[in-house]
Amino acid sequence: MPVTDPIADMLAIIKNGVRAKKDSIMVKCSKVHLNIFEILKRESFISNYKKVDDNKQGMIKVYLKYDRDIPSIMGLRRISRPGLRRYSKNEDIKSVYGGLGIALISTPQGIMTDKEAKEKNLGGEILCEMW
């Protein structure tokens, strides 16, 4: 059965893995997922990730990050979805959770955080928020 929203599926896998206190999770591989995990690693929401080759499209093994049994990802929410796309101009991008979280935004220059989009004066589709 095909997945209609792969980003929401990825977020659900992350949320379930964090709630179950797993050390790592497996997600289907795509360029968008690799870009998102690179940002999450850079922003220290996850400890690491690596691409695992199978005979199909591949998988990504994501190592979740905890600090004394407290997960780095406390919450996440999908904003734009296939049924209702959410776009924002640069000046309308709001900070997430008082600046403690990040919003992932798909811009013409690629996927980036809300802070990077503001610095580069770019708007785009708000994919999700994490805190």
C-alpha atoms as a PDB file:
ATOM      1  CA  MET A   1       0.000   0.000   0.000  1.00  0.00           C
ATOM      2  CA  PRO A   2       1.541   3.330  -1.028  1.00  0.00           C
ATOM      3  CA  VAL A   3       2.156   6.068   1.504  1.00  0.00           C
ATOM      4  CA  THR A   4       0.424   9.342   0.599  1.00  0.00           C
ATOM      5  CA  ASP A   5       2.424  11.503   3.029  1.00  0.00           C
ATOM      6  CA  PRO A   6       5.951  10.152   3.578  1.00  0.00           C
ATOM      7  CA  ILE A   7       7.002  13.053   5.854  1.00  0.00           C
ATOM      8  CA  ALA A   8       4.056  12.461   8.206  1.00  0.00           C
ATOM      9  CA  ASP A   9       4.882   8.749   8.168  1.00  0.00           C
ATOM     10  CA  MET A  10       8.507   9.533   9.096  1.00  0.00           C
ATOM     11  CA  LEU A  11       7.380  11.853  11.923  1.00  0.00           C
ATOM     12  CA  ALA A  12       5.054   9.151  13.295  1.00  0.00           C
ATOM     13  CA  ILE A  13       7.927   6.636  13.311  1.00  0.00           C
ATOM     14  CA  ILE A  14      10.147   9.124  15.171  1.00  0.00           C
ATOM     15  CA  LYS A  15       7.403   9.958  17.685  1.00  0.00           C
ATOM     16  CA  ASN A  16       6.668   6.277  18.358  1.00  0.00           C
ATOM     17  CA  GLY A  17      10.373   5.474  18.704  1.00  0.00           C
ATOM     18  CA  VAL A  18      10.873   8.283  21.225  1.00  0.00           C
ATOM     19  CA  ARG A  19       7.811   7.226  23.245  1.00  0.00           C
ATOM     20  CA  ALA A  20       9.050   3.626  23.306  1.00  0.00           C
ATOM     21  CA  LYS A  21      12.545   4.871  24.332  1.00  0.00           C
ATOM     22  CA  LYS A  22      14.202   3.042  21.439  1.00  0.00           C
ATOM     23  CA  ASP A  23      17.873   3.606  20.685  1.00  0.00           C
ATOM     24  CA  SER A  24      17.352   3.629  16.929  1.00  0.00           C
ATOM     25  CA  ILE A  25      14.583   3.537  14.341  1.00  0.00           C
ATOM     26  CA  MET A  26      14.406   2.619  10.656  1.00  0.00           C
ATOM     27  CA  VAL A  27      12.845   4.927   8.037  1.00  0.00           C
ATOM     28  CA  LYS A  28      12.505   4.514   4.268  1.00  0.00           C
ATOM     29  CA  CYS A  29      15.221   6.352   2.399  1.00  0.00           C
ATOM     30  CA  SER A  30      14.604   9.412   0.241  1.00  0.00           C
ATOM     31  CA  LYS A  31      16.471  12.627  -0.512  1.00  0.00           C
ATOM     32  CA  VAL A  32      13.987  14.656   1.560  1.00  0.00           C
ATOM     33  CA  HIS A  33      14.422  12.340   4.560  1.00  0.00           C
ATOM     34  CA  LEU A  34      18.216  12.521   4.276  1.00  0.00           C
ATOM     35  CA  ASN A  35      18.068  16.330   4.197  1.00  0.00           C
ATOM     36  CA  ILE A  36      15.755  16.418   7.225  1.00  0.00           C
ATOM     37  CA  PHE A  37      17.975  14.057   9.223  1.00  0.00           C
ATOM     38  CA  GLU A  38      21.062  16.109   8.342  1.00  0.00           C
ATOM     39  CA  ILE A  39      19.340  19.180   9.815  1.00  0.00           C
ATOM     40  CA  LEU A  40      18.194  17.248  12.902  1.00  0.00           C
ATOM     41  CA  LYS A  41      21.743  16.022  13.484  1.00  0.00           C
ATOM     42  CA  ARG A  42      23.164  19.518  13.042  1.00  0.00           C
ATOM     43  CA  GLU A  43      20.575  20.940  15.477  1.00  0.00           C
ATOM     44  CA  SER A  44      21.355  18.034  17.904  1.00  0.00           C
ATOM     45  CA  PHE A  45      17.886  16.492  17.956  1.00  0.00           C
ATOM     46  CA  ILE A  46      19.355  13.110  16.940  1.00  0.00           C
ATOM     47  CA  SER A  47      22.801  11.689  17.618  1.00  0.00           C
ATOM     48  CA  ASN A  48      23.463  10.223  14.156  1.00  0.00           C
ATOM     49  CA  TYR A  49      21.975   8.536  11.100  1.00  0.00           C
ATOM     50  CA  LYS A  50      23.252   6.275   8.351  1.00  0.00           C
ATOM     51  CA  LYS A  51      21.925   4.893   5.108  1.00  0.00           C
ATOM     52  CA  VAL A  52      21.441   1.136   5.114  1.00  0.00           C
ATOM     53  CA  ASP A  53      21.353  -0.528   1.718  1.00  0.00           C
ATOM     54  CA  ASP A  54      18.777  -3.184   0.968  1.00  0.00           C
ATOM     55  CA  ASN A  55      17.741  -4.482  -2.436  1.00  0.00           C
ATOM     56  CA  LYS A  56      14.948  -1.895  -2.734  1.00  0.00           C
ATOM     57  CA  GLN A  57      14.986   1.857  -2.146  1.00  0.00           C
ATOM     58  CA  GLY A  58      17.095   1.618   1.007  1.00  0.00           C
ATOM     59  CA  MET A  59      16.522   2.481   4.645  1.00  0.00           C
ATOM     60  CA  ILE A  60      17.886   5.087   7.023  1.00  0.00           C
ATOM     61  CA  LYS A  61      18.874   4.014  10.521  1.00  0.00           C
ATOM     62  CA  VAL A  62      18.368   6.953  12.882  1.00  0.00           C
ATOM     63  CA  TYR A  63      20.001   6.952  16.319  1.00  0.00           C
ATOM     64  CA  LEU A  64      17.806   8.858  18.749  1.00  0.00           C
ATOM     65  CA  LYS A  65      19.362  11.113  21.369  1.00  0.00           C
ATOM     66  CA  TYR A  66      18.568  11.044  25.101  1.00  0.00           C
ATOM     67  CA  ASP A  67      19.932  12.948  28.084  1.00  0.00           C
ATOM     68  CA  ARG A  68      19.348  10.973  31.300  1.00  0.00           C
ATOM     69  CA  ASP A  69      16.301   9.195  29.800  1.00  0.00           C
ATOM     70  CA  ILE A  70      14.862  12.514  28.580  1.00  0.00           C
ATOM     71  CA  PRO A  71      14.540  12.574  24.782  1.00  0.00           C
ATOM     72  CA  SER A  72      15.942  15.474  22.771  1.00  0.00           C
ATOM     73  CA  ILE A  73      12.733  15.489  20.725  1.00  0.00           C
ATOM     74  CA  MET A  74       9.988  16.419  23.176  1.00  0.00           C
ATOM     75  CA  GLY A  75       7.347  17.035  20.535  1.00  0.00           C
ATOM     76  CA  LEU A  76       6.800  17.317  16.819  1.00  0.00           C
ATOM     77  CA  ARG A  77       3.923  18.354  14.624  1.00  0.00           C
ATOM     78  CA  ARG A  78       3.226  18.210  10.890  1.00  0.00           C
ATOM     79  CA  ILE A  79       2.119  21.624   9.633  1.00  0.00           C
ATOM     80  CA  SER A  80       1.724  21.401   5.849  1.00  0.00           C
ATOM     81  CA  ARG A  81       0.041  18.282   4.584  1.00  0.00           C
ATOM     82  CA  PRO A  82      -1.142  17.039   1.183  1.00  0.00           C
ATOM     83  CA  GLY A  83      -4.742  18.155   1.806  1.00  0.00           C
ATOM     84  CA  LEU A  84      -3.782  21.596   3.101  1.00  0.00           C
ATOM     85  CA  ARG A  85      -0.462  23.129   2.111  1.00  0.00           C
ATOM     86  CA  ARG A  86       0.873  25.873   4.414  1.00  0.00           C
ATOM     87  CA  TYR A  87       3.185  28.490   2.955  1.00  0.00           C
ATOM     88  CA  SER A  88       4.747  31.438   4.721  1.00  0.00           C
ATOM     89  CA  LYS A  89       6.629  34.553   3.707  1.00  0.00           C
ATOM     90  CA  ASN A  90       9.930  35.351   5.371  1.00  0.00           C
ATOM     91  CA  GLU A  91       8.460  38.042   7.614  1.00  0.00           C
ATOM     92  CA  ASP A  92       5.564  35.785   8.706  1.00  0.00           C
ATOM     93  CA  ILE A  93       7.741  32.898   9.968  1.00  0.00           C
ATOM     94  CA  LYS A  94       7.255  32.577  13.729  1.00  0.00           C
ATOM     95  CA  SER A  95       9.662  31.054  16.229  1.00  0.00           C
ATOM     96  CA  VAL A  96       8.803  27.623  17.588  1.00  0.00           C
ATOM     97  CA  TYR A  97       8.336  27.043  21.316  1.00  0.00           C
ATOM     98  CA  GLY A  98       9.853  30.387  22.259  1.00  0.00           C
ATOM     99  CA  GLY A  99      12.960  29.822  20.136  1.00  0.00           C
ATOM    100  CA  LEU A 100      13.762  26.430  21.713  1.00  0.00           C
ATOM    101  CA  GLY A 101      12.393  24.456  18.763  1.00  0.00           C
ATOM    102  CA  ILE A 102      12.798  24.544  15.017  1.00  0.00           C
ATOM    103  CA  ALA A 103      10.504  24.624  12.027  1.00  0.00           C
ATOM    104  CA  LEU A 104      11.609  22.814   8.881  1.00  0.00           C
ATOM    105  CA  ILE A 105      10.833  24.868   5.785  1.00  0.00           C
ATOM    106  CA  SER A 106      11.063  23.769   2.166  1.00  0.00           C
ATOM    107  CA  THR A 107      12.468  26.752   0.268  1.00  0.00           C
ATOM    108  CA  PRO A 108      13.670  27.179  -3.331  1.00  0.00           C
ATOM    109  CA  GLN A 109      17.212  26.646  -1.983  1.00  0.00           C
ATOM    110  CA  GLY A 110      16.321  23.389  -0.205  1.00  0.00           C
ATOM    111  CA  ILE A 111      15.043  22.342   3.194  1.00  0.00           C
ATOM    112  CA  MET A 112      16.281  24.505   6.076  1.00  0.00           C
ATOM    113  CA  THR A 113      15.339  25.652   9.548  1.00  0.00           C
ATOM    114  CA  ASP A 114      13.218  28.712  10.241  1.00  0.00           C
ATOM    115  CA  LYS A 115      16.260  30.659  11.475  1.00  0.00           C
ATOM    116  CA  GLU A 116      18.255  29.905   8.319  1.00  0.00           C
ATOM    117  CA  ALA A 117      15.295  30.899   6.128  1.00  0.00           C
ATOM    118  CA  LYS A 118      14.973  34.217   7.964  1.00  0.00           C
ATOM    119  CA  GLU A 119      18.710  34.904   7.578  1.00  0.00           C
ATOM    120  CA  LYS A 120      18.562  34.189   3.846  1.00  0.00           C
ATOM    121  CA  ASN A 121      15.303  36.151   3.484  1.00  0.00           C
ATOM    122  CA  LEU A 122      13.416  33.138   2.107  1.00  0.00           C
ATOM    123  CA  GLY A 123       9.896  31.834   2.587  1.00  0.00           C
ATOM    124  CA  GLY A 124       8.385  28.517   1.638  1.00  0.00           C
ATOM    125  CA  GLU A 125       6.300  25.561   2.718  1.00  0.00           C
ATOM    126  CA  ILE A 126       6.408  24.889   6.466  1.00  0.00           C
ATOM    127  CA  LEU A 127       6.841  21.120   6.699  1.00  0.00           C
ATOM    128  CA  CYS A 128       6.894  20.513  10.453  1.00  0.00           C
ATOM    129  CA  GLU A 129       7.846  21.859  13.869  1.00  0.00           C
ATOM    130  CA  MET A 130      10.016  20.180  16.510  1.00  0.00           C
ATOM    131  CA  TRP A 131      10.842  21.113  20.069  1.00  0.00           C
END
